[in-house]
PDB file of N, CA and C in Angstrom:
ATOM      1  N   MET A   1      56.697  30.852  71.702  1.00  0.00           N
ATOM      2  CA  MET A   1      55.264  31.059  71.794  1.00  0.00           C
ATOM      3  C   MET A   1      54.974  32.122  72.848  1.00  0.00           C
ATOM      4  N   GLU A   2      54.029  32.992  72.549  1.00  0.00           N
ATOM      5  CA  GLU A   2      53.693  34.048  73.483  1.00  0.00           C
ATOM      6  C   GLU A   2      52.967  33.469  74.677  1.00  0.00           C
ATOM      7  N   GLU A   3      53.237  34.053  75.853  1.00  0.00           N
ATOM      8  CA  GLU A   3      52.607  33.572  77.064  1.00  0.00           C
ATOM      9  C   GLU A   3      51.488  34.510  77.463  1.00  0.00           C
ATOM     10  N   LYS A   4      50.380  33.945  77.871  1.00  0.00           N
ATOM     11  CA  LYS A   4      49.214  34.722  78.292  1.00  0.00           C
ATOM     12  C   LYS A   4      49.453  35.296  79.678  1.00  0.00           C
ATOM     13  N   MET A   5      49.198  36.594  79.830  1.00  0.00           N
ATOM     14  CA  MET A   5      49.324  37.224  81.135  1.00  0.00           C
ATOM     15  C   MET A   5      48.016  37.058  81.889  1.00  0.00           C
ATOM     16  N   GLU A   6      48.093  36.646  83.130  1.00  0.00           N
ATOM     17  CA  GLU A   6      46.899  36.485  83.949  1.00  0.00           C
ATOM     18  C   GLU A   6      46.549  37.813  84.605  1.00  0.00           C
ATOM     19  N   ASN A   7      45.292  38.148  84.616  1.00  0.00           N
ATOM     20  CA  ASN A   7      44.793  39.333  85.287  1.00  0.00           C
ATOM     21  C   ASN A   7      43.910  38.882  86.434  1.00  0.00           C
ATOM     22  N   THR A   8      43.783  39.715  87.448  1.00  0.00           N
ATOM     23  CA  THR A   8      42.994  39.319  88.593  1.00  0.00           C
ATOM     24  C   THR A   8      41.525  39.655  88.441  1.00  0.00           C
ATOM     25  N   CYS A   9      41.175  40.630  87.634  1.00  0.00           N
ATOM     26  CA  CYS A   9      39.770  40.991  87.498  1.00  0.00           C
ATOM     27  C   CYS A   9      39.060  40.009  86.573  1.00  0.00           C
ATOM     28  N   PRO A  10      37.779  39.708  86.823  1.00  0.00           N
ATOM     29  CA  PRO A  10      37.077  38.712  86.024  1.00  0.00           C
ATOM     30  C   PRO A  10      36.656  39.226  84.650  1.00  0.00           C
ATOM     31  N   HIS A  11      36.499  40.501  84.497  1.00  0.00           N
ATOM     32  CA  HIS A  11      36.137  41.068  83.199  1.00  0.00           C
ATOM     33  C   HIS A  11      36.574  42.511  83.144  1.00  0.00           C
ATOM     34  N   CYS A  12      36.288  43.202  82.082  1.00  0.00           N
ATOM     35  CA  CYS A  12      36.927  44.472  81.798  1.00  0.00           C
ATOM     36  C   CYS A  12      36.337  45.677  82.529  1.00  0.00           C
ATOM     37  N   SER A  13      35.359  45.528  83.394  1.00  0.00           N
ATOM     38  CA  SER A  13      34.738  46.705  84.001  1.00  0.00           C
ATOM     39  C   SER A  13      35.632  47.412  85.004  1.00  0.00           C
ATOM     40  N   SER A  14      36.441  46.693  85.742  1.00  0.00           N
ATOM     41  CA  SER A  14      37.183  47.341  86.809  1.00  0.00           C
ATOM     42  C   SER A  14      38.515  47.929  86.364  1.00  0.00           C
ATOM     43  N   CYS A  15      39.166  47.345  85.365  1.00  0.00           N
ATOM     44  CA  CYS A  15      40.483  47.869  84.978  1.00  0.00           C
ATOM     45  C   CYS A  15      40.697  47.851  83.470  1.00  0.00           C
ATOM     46  N   ASN A  16      39.655  47.603  82.702  1.00  0.00           N
ATOM     47  CA  ASN A  16      39.743  47.516  81.243  1.00  0.00           C
ATOM     48  C   ASN A  16      40.697  46.433  80.757  1.00  0.00           C
ATOM     49  N   LYS A  17      40.852  45.373  81.532  1.00  0.00           N
ATOM     50  CA  LYS A  17      41.582  44.189  81.093  1.00  0.00           C
ATOM     51  C   LYS A  17      40.620  43.023  81.146  1.00  0.00           C
ATOM     52  N   LYS A  18      40.907  42.019  80.366  1.00  0.00           N
ATOM     53  CA  LYS A  18      40.002  40.881  80.246  1.00  0.00           C
ATOM     54  C   LYS A  18      40.771  39.594  80.473  1.00  0.00           C
ATOM     55  N   VAL A  19      40.264  38.750  81.335  1.00  0.00           N
ATOM     56  CA  VAL A  19      40.820  37.415  81.504  1.00  0.00           C
ATOM     57  C   VAL A  19      40.077  36.506  80.539  1.00  0.00           C
ATOM     58  N   ARG A  20      40.796  35.948  79.603  1.00  0.00           N
ATOM     59  CA  ARG A  20      40.184  35.068  78.608  1.00  0.00           C
ATOM     60  C   ARG A  20      40.478  33.628  78.968  1.00  0.00           C
ATOM     61  N   ASP A  21      39.513  32.754  78.690  1.00  0.00           N
ATOM     62  CA  ASP A  21      39.814  31.348  78.925  1.00  0.00           C
ATOM     63  C   ASP A  21      40.824  30.889  77.875  1.00  0.00           C
ATOM     64  N   GLU A  22      41.460  29.776  78.141  1.00  0.00           N
ATOM     65  CA  GLU A  22      42.567  29.313  77.308  1.00  0.00           C
ATOM     66  C   GLU A  22      42.139  29.080  75.859  1.00  0.00           C
ATOM     67  N   LYS A  23      40.949  28.521  75.647  1.00  0.00           N
ATOM     68  CA  LYS A  23      40.481  28.262  74.284  1.00  0.00           C
ATOM     69  C   LYS A  23      40.304  29.566  73.510  1.00  0.00           C
ATOM     70  N   GLU A  24      39.662  30.545  74.135  1.00  0.00           N
ATOM     71  CA  GLU A  24      39.469  31.840  73.474  1.00  0.00           C
ATOM     72  C   GLU A  24      40.809  32.477  73.145  1.00  0.00           C
ATOM     73  N   TYR A  25      41.720  32.446  74.101  1.00  0.00           N
ATOM     74  CA  TYR A  25      43.045  33.033  73.906  1.00  0.00           C
ATOM     75  C   TYR A  25      43.781  32.370  72.738  1.00  0.00           C
ATOM     76  N   LYS A  26      43.802  31.041  72.725  1.00  0.00           N
ATOM     77  CA  LYS A  26      44.495  30.316  71.659  1.00  0.00           C
ATOM     78  C   LYS A  26      43.874  30.598  70.298  1.00  0.00           C
ATOM     79  N   ASP A  27      42.539  30.623  70.246  1.00  0.00           N
ATOM     80  CA  ASP A  27      41.851  30.907  68.988  1.00  0.00           C
ATOM     81  C   ASP A  27      42.233  32.293  68.466  1.00  0.00           C
ATOM     82  N   MET A  28      42.222  33.282  69.348  1.00  0.00           N
ATOM     83  CA  MET A  28      42.567  34.643  68.935  1.00  0.00           C
ATOM     84  C   MET A  28      44.012  34.716  68.440  1.00  0.00           C
ATOM     85  N   MET A  29      44.916  34.086  69.173  1.00  0.00           N
ATOM     86  CA  MET A  29      46.323  34.128  68.786  1.00  0.00           C
ATOM     87  C   MET A  29      46.550  33.401  67.460  1.00  0.00           C
ATOM     88  N   ASN A  30      45.868  32.280  67.250  1.00  0.00           N
ATOM     89  CA  ASN A  30      45.996  31.554  65.978  1.00  0.00           C
ATOM     90  C   ASN A  30      45.496  32.407  64.816  1.00  0.00           C
ATOM     91  N   ARG A  31      44.346  33.049  65.002  1.00  0.00           N
ATOM     92  CA  ARG A  31      43.809  33.909  63.946  1.00  0.00           C
ATOM     93  C   ARG A  31      44.785  35.042  63.626  1.00  0.00           C
ATOM     94  N   LEU A  32      45.314  35.677  64.682  1.00  0.00           N
ATOM     95  CA  LEU A  32      46.241  36.789  64.472  1.00  0.00           C
ATOM     96  C   LEU A  32      47.536  36.322  63.817  1.00  0.00           C
ATOM     97  N   SER A  33      48.002  35.148  64.156  1.00  0.00           N
ATOM     98  CA  SER A  33      49.216  34.619  63.519  1.00  0.00           C
ATOM     99  C   SER A  33      48.994  34.370  62.030  1.00  0.00           C
ATOM    100  N   ARG A  34      47.819  33.840  61.691  1.00  0.00           N
ATOM    101  CA  ARG A  34      47.507  33.637  60.265  1.00  0.00           C
ATOM    102  C   ARG A  34      47.453  34.963  59.524  1.00  0.00           C
ATOM    103  N   ILE A  35      46.820  35.956  60.140  1.00  0.00           N
ATOM    104  CA  ILE A  35      46.721  37.279  59.511  1.00  0.00           C
ATOM    105  C   ILE A  35      48.115  37.878  59.345  1.00  0.00           C
ATOM    106  N   GLU A  36      48.936  37.741  60.375  1.00  0.00           N
ATOM    107  CA  GLU A  36      50.314  38.246  60.309  1.00  0.00           C
ATOM    108  C   GLU A  36      51.066  37.590  59.148  1.00  0.00           C
ATOM    109  N   GLY A  37      50.879  36.285  58.979  1.00  0.00           N
ATOM    110  CA  GLY A  37      51.508  35.574  57.869  1.00  0.00           C
ATOM    111  C   GLY A  37      51.011  36.077  56.520  1.00  0.00           C
ATOM    112  N   GLN A  38      49.715  36.360  56.441  1.00  0.00           N
ATOM    113  CA  GLN A  38      49.163  36.893  55.190  1.00  0.00           C
ATOM    114  C   GLN A  38      49.776  38.261  54.872  1.00  0.00           C
ATOM    115  N   VAL A  39      49.925  39.103  55.882  1.00  0.00           N
ATOM    116  CA  VAL A  39      50.508  40.433  55.667  1.00  0.00           C
ATOM    117  C   VAL A  39      51.961  40.295  55.208  1.00  0.00           C
ATOM    118  N   ARG A  40      52.713  39.397  55.836  1.00  0.00           N
ATOM    119  CA  ARG A  40      54.097  39.171  55.399  1.00  0.00           C
ATOM    120  C   ARG A  40      54.126  38.675  53.951  1.00  0.00           C
ATOM    121  N   GLY A  41      53.142  37.832  53.598  1.00  0.00           N
ATOM    122  CA  GLY A  41      53.069  37.348  52.221  1.00  0.00           C
ATOM    123  C   GLY A  41      52.828  38.474  51.230  1.00  0.00           C
ATOM    124  N   VAL A  42      51.951  39.408  51.576  1.00  0.00           N
ATOM    125  CA  VAL A  42      51.690  40.558  50.696  1.00  0.00           C
ATOM    126  C   VAL A  42      52.940  41.424  50.590  1.00  0.00           C
ATOM    127  N   LYS A  43      53.636  41.610  51.683  1.00  0.00           N
ATOM    128  CA  LYS A  43      54.883  42.386  51.640  1.00  0.00           C
ATOM    129  C   LYS A  43      55.868  41.739  50.671  1.00  0.00           C
ATOM    130  N   GLY A  44      55.967  40.414  50.744  1.00  0.00           N
ATOM    131  CA  GLY A  44      56.835  39.700  49.820  1.00  0.00           C
ATOM    132  C   GLY A  44      56.391  39.862  48.373  1.00  0.00           C
ATOM    133  N   MET A  45      55.091  39.860  48.154  1.00  0.00           N
ATOM    134  CA  MET A  45      54.571  40.046  46.797  1.00  0.00           C
ATOM    135  C   MET A  45      54.953  41.419  46.254  1.00  0.00           C
ATOM    136  N   VAL A  46      54.855  42.436  47.102  1.00  0.00           N
ATOM    137  CA  VAL A  46      55.229  43.794  46.668  1.00  0.00           C
ATOM    138  C   VAL A  46      56.728  43.845  46.385  1.00  0.00           C
ATOM    139  N   GLU A  47      57.522  43.253  47.272  1.00  0.00           N
ATOM    140  CA  GLU A  47      58.975  43.235  47.073  1.00  0.00           C
ATOM    141  C   GLU A  47      59.361  42.523  45.784  1.00  0.00           C
ATOM    142  N   ASN A  48      58.555  41.524  45.397  1.00  0.00           N
ATOM    143  CA  ASN A  48      58.852  40.752  44.191  1.00  0.00           C
ATOM    144  C   ASN A  48      58.088  41.237  42.969  1.00  0.00           C
ATOM    145  N   ASP A  49      57.529  42.445  43.072  1.00  0.00           N
ATOM    146  CA  ASP A  49      56.811  43.059  41.943  1.00  0.00           C
ATOM    147  C   ASP A  49      55.695  42.177  41.400  1.00  0.00           C
ATOM    148  N   ALA A  50      54.913  41.593  42.289  1.00  0.00           N
ATOM    149  CA  ALA A  50      53.786  40.748  41.876  1.00  0.00           C
ATOM    150  C   ALA A  50      52.737  41.600  41.165  1.00  0.00           C
ATOM    151  N   TYR A  51      51.912  40.941  40.413  1.00  0.00           N
ATOM    152  CA  TYR A  51      50.837  41.579  39.661  1.00  0.00           C
ATOM    153  C   TYR A  51      49.851  42.221  40.642  1.00  0.00           C
ATOM    154  N   CYS A  52      49.437  43.451  40.326  1.00  0.00           N
ATOM    155  CA  CYS A  52      48.571  44.243  41.215  1.00  0.00           C
ATOM    156  C   CYS A  52      47.310  43.494  41.635  1.00  0.00           C
ATOM    157  N   VAL A  53      46.650  42.841  40.698  1.00  0.00           N
ATOM    158  CA  VAL A  53      45.400  42.147  41.002  1.00  0.00           C
ATOM    159  C   VAL A  53      45.641  41.015  42.005  1.00  0.00           C
ATOM    160  N   ASP A  54      46.767  40.343  41.879  1.00  0.00           N
ATOM    161  CA  ASP A  54      47.097  39.283  42.833  1.00  0.00           C
ATOM    162  C   ASP A  54      47.297  39.854  44.236  1.00  0.00           C
ATOM    163  N   ILE A  55      47.964  40.994  44.319  1.00  0.00           N
ATOM    164  CA  ILE A  55      48.169  41.648  45.620  1.00  0.00           C
ATOM    165  C   ILE A  55      46.828  42.088  46.196  1.00  0.00           C
ATOM    166  N   LEU A  56      46.003  42.711  45.379  1.00  0.00           N
ATOM    167  CA  LEU A  56      44.691  43.165  45.835  1.00  0.00           C
ATOM    168  C   LEU A  56      43.833  42.009  46.337  1.00  0.00           C
ATOM    169  N   THR A  57      43.924  40.881  45.666  1.00  0.00           N
ATOM    170  CA  THR A  57      43.177  39.700  46.092  1.00  0.00           C
ATOM    171  C   THR A  57      43.620  39.253  47.483  1.00  0.00           C
ATOM    172  N   GLN A  58      44.919  39.266  47.713  1.00  0.00           N
ATOM    173  CA  GLN A  58      45.441  38.866  49.029  1.00  0.00           C
ATOM    174  C   GLN A  58      45.079  39.889  50.111  1.00  0.00           C
ATOM    175  N   VAL A  59      45.108  41.174  49.763  1.00  0.00           N
ATOM    176  CA  VAL A  59      44.717  42.205  50.728  1.00  0.00           C
ATOM    177  C   VAL A  59      43.241  42.052  51.082  1.00  0.00           C
ATOM    178  N   SER A  60      42.426  41.705  50.117  1.00  0.00           N
ATOM    179  CA  SER A  60      41.007  41.460  50.378  1.00  0.00           C
ATOM    180  C   SER A  60      40.833  40.295  51.353  1.00  0.00           C
ATOM    181  N   ALA A  61      41.637  39.258  51.200  1.00  0.00           N
ATOM    182  CA  ALA A  61      41.575  38.112  52.116  1.00  0.00           C
ATOM    183  C   ALA A  61      41.979  38.530  53.529  1.00  0.00           C
ATOM    184  N   ILE A  62      42.962  39.413  53.652  1.00  0.00           N
ATOM    185  CA  ILE A  62      43.394  39.913  54.954  1.00  0.00           C
ATOM    186  C   ILE A  62      42.271  40.727  55.591  1.00  0.00           C
ATOM    187  N   THR A  63      41.639  41.571  54.802  1.00  0.00           N
ATOM    188  CA  THR A  63      40.526  42.382  55.309  1.00  0.00           C
ATOM    189  C   THR A  63      39.409  41.483  55.824  1.00  0.00           C
ATOM    190  N   SER A  64      39.110  40.440  55.078  1.00  0.00           N
ATOM    191  CA  SER A  64      38.084  39.468  55.493  1.00  0.00           C
ATOM    192  C   SER A  64      38.465  38.787  56.798  1.00  0.00           C
ATOM    193  N   ALA A  65      39.718  38.401  56.918  1.00  0.00           N
ATOM    194  CA  ALA A  65      40.187  37.733  58.132  1.00  0.00           C
ATOM    195  C   ALA A  65      40.110  38.674  59.327  1.00  0.00           C
ATOM    196  N   LEU A  66      40.468  39.933  59.145  1.00  0.00           N
ATOM    197  CA  LEU A  66      40.371  40.914  60.229  1.00  0.00           C
ATOM    198  C   LEU A  66      38.917  41.156  60.620  1.00  0.00           C
ATOM    199  N   ASN A  67      38.035  41.227  59.640  1.00  0.00           N
ATOM    200  CA  ASN A  67      36.613  41.410  59.940  1.00  0.00           C
ATOM    201  C   ASN A  67      36.069  40.219  60.723  1.00  0.00           C
ATOM    202  N   SER A  68      36.485  39.033  60.350  1.00  0.00           N
ATOM    203  CA  SER A  68      36.060  37.832  61.066  1.00  0.00           C
ATOM    204  C   SER A  68      36.575  37.858  62.502  1.00  0.00           C
ATOM    205  N   PHE A  69      37.817  38.253  62.683  1.00  0.00           N
ATOM    206  CA  PHE A  69      38.395  38.376  64.026  1.00  0.00           C
ATOM    207  C   PHE A  69      37.576  39.364  64.855  1.00  0.00           C
ATOM    208  N   ASN A  70      37.253  40.515  64.263  1.00  0.00           N
ATOM    209  CA  ASN A  70      36.453  41.525  64.968  1.00  0.00           C
ATOM    210  C   ASN A  70      35.086  40.989  65.374  1.00  0.00           C
ATOM    211  N   LYS A  71      34.439  40.240  64.487  1.00  0.00           N
ATOM    212  CA  LYS A  71      33.107  39.699  64.793  1.00  0.00           C
ATOM    213  C   LYS A  71      33.157  38.765  65.991  1.00  0.00           C
ATOM    214  N   VAL A  72      34.153  37.885  66.033  1.00  0.00           N
ATOM    215  CA  VAL A  72      34.286  36.943  67.141  1.00  0.00           C
ATOM    216  C   VAL A  72      34.581  37.698  68.436  1.00  0.00           C
ATOM    217  N   LEU A  73      35.507  38.640  68.375  1.00  0.00           N
ATOM    218  CA  LEU A  73      35.876  39.406  69.562  1.00  0.00           C
ATOM    219  C   LEU A  73      34.705  40.245  70.065  1.00  0.00           C
ATOM    220  N   LEU A  74      33.991  40.888  69.154  1.00  0.00           N
ATOM    221  CA  LEU A  74      32.846  41.713  69.528  1.00  0.00           C
ATOM    222  C   LEU A  74      31.739  40.866  70.168  1.00  0.00           C
ATOM    223  N   ALA A  75      31.446  39.721  69.581  1.00  0.00           N
ATOM    224  CA  ALA A  75      30.408  38.842  70.142  1.00  0.00           C
ATOM    225  C   ALA A  75      30.782  38.407  71.556  1.00  0.00           C
ATOM    226  N   ASN A  76      32.035  38.046  71.735  1.00  0.00           N
ATOM    227  CA  ASN A  76      32.481  37.623  73.057  1.00  0.00           C
ATOM    228  C   ASN A  76      32.413  38.789  74.044  1.00  0.00           C
ATOM    229  N   HIS A  77      32.790  39.973  73.605  1.00  0.00           N
ATOM    230  CA  HIS A  77      32.742  41.166  74.463  1.00  0.00           C
ATOM    231  C   HIS A  77      31.308  41.435  74.926  1.00  0.00           C
ATOM    232  N   ILE A  78      30.366  41.332  74.005  1.00  0.00           N
ATOM    233  CA  ILE A  78      28.956  41.582  74.346  1.00  0.00           C
ATOM    234  C   ILE A  78      28.462  40.520  75.328  1.00  0.00           C
ATOM    235  N   LYS A  79      28.789  39.245  75.061  1.00  0.00           N
ATOM    236  CA  LYS A  79      28.307  38.154  75.905  1.00  0.00           C
ATOM    237  C   LYS A  79      28.916  38.162  77.310  1.00  0.00           C
ATOM    238  N   THR A  80      30.105  38.729  77.438  1.00  0.00           N
ATOM    239  CA  THR A  80      30.770  38.698  78.750  1.00  0.00           C
ATOM    240  C   THR A  80      30.805  40.087  79.380  1.00  0.00           C
ATOM    241  N   CYS A  81      31.676  40.931  78.924  1.00  0.00           N
ATOM    242  CA  CYS A  81      31.907  42.239  79.552  1.00  0.00           C
ATOM    243  C   CYS A  81      30.640  43.086  79.615  1.00  0.00           C
ATOM    244  N   VAL A  82      29.985  43.259  78.479  1.00  0.00           N
ATOM    245  CA  VAL A  82      28.799  44.121  78.430  1.00  0.00           C
ATOM    246  C   VAL A  82      27.669  43.516  79.257  1.00  0.00           C
ATOM    247  N   ALA A  83      27.393  42.232  79.052  1.00  0.00           N
ATOM    248  CA  ALA A  83      26.303  41.583  79.791  1.00  0.00           C
ATOM    249  C   ALA A  83      26.561  41.607  81.299  1.00  0.00           C
ATOM    250  N   ASN A  84      27.778  41.334  81.713  1.00  0.00           N
ATOM    251  CA  ASN A  84      28.105  41.352  83.149  1.00  0.00           C
ATOM    252  C   ASN A  84      27.894  42.740  83.744  1.00  0.00           C
ATOM    253  N   ASP A  85      28.359  43.761  83.042  1.00  0.00           N
ATOM    254  CA  ASP A  85      28.216  45.118  83.566  1.00  0.00           C
ATOM    255  C   ASP A  85      26.750  45.556  83.612  1.00  0.00           C
ATOM    256  N   ILE A  86      25.965  45.170  82.635  1.00  0.00           N
ATOM    257  CA  ILE A  86      24.533  45.501  82.652  1.00  0.00           C
ATOM    258  C   ILE A  86      23.868  44.814  83.846  1.00  0.00           C
ATOM    259  N   ARG A  87      24.198  43.551  84.079  1.00  0.00           N
ATOM    260  CA  ARG A  87      23.643  42.841  85.243  1.00  0.00           C
ATOM    261  C   ARG A  87      24.023  43.533  86.547  1.00  0.00           C
ATOM    262  N   GLU A  88      25.194  44.155  86.579  1.00  0.00           N
ATOM    263  CA  GLU A  88      25.652  44.852  87.781  1.00  0.00           C
ATOM    264  C   GLU A  88      25.154  46.298  87.834  1.00  0.00           C
ATOM    265  N   GLY A  89      24.327  46.687  86.866  1.00  0.00           N
ATOM    266  CA  GLY A  89      23.778  48.039  86.849  1.00  0.00           C
ATOM    267  C   GLY A  89      24.705  49.085  86.262  1.00  0.00           C
ATOM    268  N   LYS A  90      25.752  48.662  85.596  1.00  0.00           N
ATOM    269  CA  LYS A  90      26.727  49.584  84.984  1.00  0.00           C
ATOM    270  C   LYS A  90      26.380  49.751  83.504  1.00  0.00           C
ATOM    271  N   ASN A  91      25.376  50.553  83.236  1.00  0.00           N
ATOM    272  CA  ASN A  91      24.863  50.694  81.875  1.00  0.00           C
ATOM    273  C   ASN A  91      25.744  51.527  80.961  1.00  0.00           C
ATOM    274  N   GLU A  92      26.806  52.137  81.481  1.00  0.00           N
ATOM    275  CA  GLU A  92      27.703  52.915  80.618  1.00  0.00           C
ATOM    276  C   GLU A  92      28.421  52.026  79.600  1.00  0.00           C
ATOM    277  N   LYS A  93      28.460  50.715  79.857  1.00  0.00           N
ATOM    278  CA  LYS A  93      29.055  49.794  78.879  1.00  0.00           C
ATOM    279  C   LYS A  93      28.270  49.801  77.572  1.00  0.00           C
ATOM    280  N   VAL A  94      26.977  50.064  77.637  1.00  0.00           N
ATOM    281  CA  VAL A  94      26.163  50.133  76.423  1.00  0.00           C
ATOM    282  C   VAL A  94      26.602  51.321  75.581  1.00  0.00           C
ATOM    283  N   ASP A  95      26.832  52.464  76.237  1.00  0.00           N
ATOM    284  CA  ASP A  95      27.315  53.644  75.514  1.00  0.00           C
ATOM    285  C   ASP A  95      28.677  53.371  74.882  1.00  0.00           C
ATOM    286  N   GLU A  96      29.553  52.707  75.632  1.00  0.00           N
ATOM    287  CA  GLU A  96      30.869  52.357  75.103  1.00  0.00           C
ATOM    288  C   GLU A  96      30.733  51.435  73.893  1.00  0.00           C
ATOM    289  N   LEU A  97      29.800  50.487  73.971  1.00  0.00           N
ATOM    290  CA  LEU A  97      29.562  49.561  72.865  1.00  0.00           C
ATOM    291  C   LEU A  97      29.077  50.304  71.632  1.00  0.00           C
ATOM    292  N   VAL A  98      28.173  51.265  71.817  1.00  0.00           N
ATOM    293  CA  VAL A  98      27.656  52.045  70.686  1.00  0.00           C
ATOM    294  C   VAL A  98      28.798  52.790  70.005  1.00  0.00           C
ATOM    295  N   VAL A  99      29.664  53.428  70.781  1.00  0.00           N
ATOM    296  CA  VAL A  99      30.802  54.156  70.212  1.00  0.00           C
ATOM    297  C   VAL A  99      31.730  53.198  69.470  1.00  0.00           C
ATOM    298  N   THR A 100      31.963  52.029  70.051  1.00  0.00           N
ATOM    299  CA  THR A 100      32.821  51.028  69.404  1.00  0.00           C
ATOM    300  C   THR A 100      32.216  50.570  68.084  1.00  0.00           C
ATOM    301  N   LEU A 101      30.926  50.308  68.062  1.00  0.00           N
ATOM    302  CA  LEU A 101      30.267  49.888  66.813  1.00  0.00           C
ATOM    303  C   LEU A 101      30.345  50.977  65.761  1.00  0.00           C
ATOM    304  N   GLN A 102      30.205  52.236  66.164  1.00  0.00           N
ATOM    305  CA  GLN A 102      30.317  53.337  65.212  1.00  0.00           C
ATOM    306  C   GLN A 102      31.707  53.386  64.605  1.00  0.00           C
ATOM    307  N   LYS A 103      32.736  53.139  65.410  1.00  0.00           N
ATOM    308  CA  LYS A 103      34.116  53.117  64.897  1.00  0.00           C
ATOM    309  C   LYS A 103      34.311  51.969  63.910  1.00  0.00           C
ATOM    310  N   LEU A 104      33.737  50.816  64.237  1.00  0.00           N
ATOM    311  CA  LEU A 104      33.914  49.648  63.375  1.00  0.00           C
ATOM    312  C   LEU A 104      33.184  49.781  62.049  1.00  0.00           C
ATOM    313  N   MET A 105      32.139  50.605  62.025  1.00  0.00           N
ATOM    314  CA  MET A 105      31.316  50.717  60.819  1.00  0.00           C
ATOM    315  C   MET A 105      31.681  51.917  59.952  1.00  0.00           C
ATOM    316  N   LYS A 106      32.847  52.470  60.144  1.00  0.00           N
ATOM    317  CA  LYS A 106      33.282  53.615  59.310  1.00  0.00           C
ATOM    318  C   LYS A 106      33.380  53.210  57.871  1.00  0.00           C
TER     319      LYS A 106
END
């Protein structure tokens, strides 16, 4: 099992690292492990010459899972990192958030 590295900063403003509570960390790792398993499953389907529509269906499920992961991570980022920096008068986090949202909405 992967071990969580502890960081000394409380949020991402000072060094671009984030200390996550144990529940958030475990949830993220569980989601990523499921997605990793889905990707391995699709690889196996391709290796076994599975029907294209079946592969596409599984890839769609992976895309959905990644989008869900992004939504949870983004919401947490806004509630913690962005909100904390705005309270501290560091409004450049808003600009960073706008750029990040533009990347996600390609």
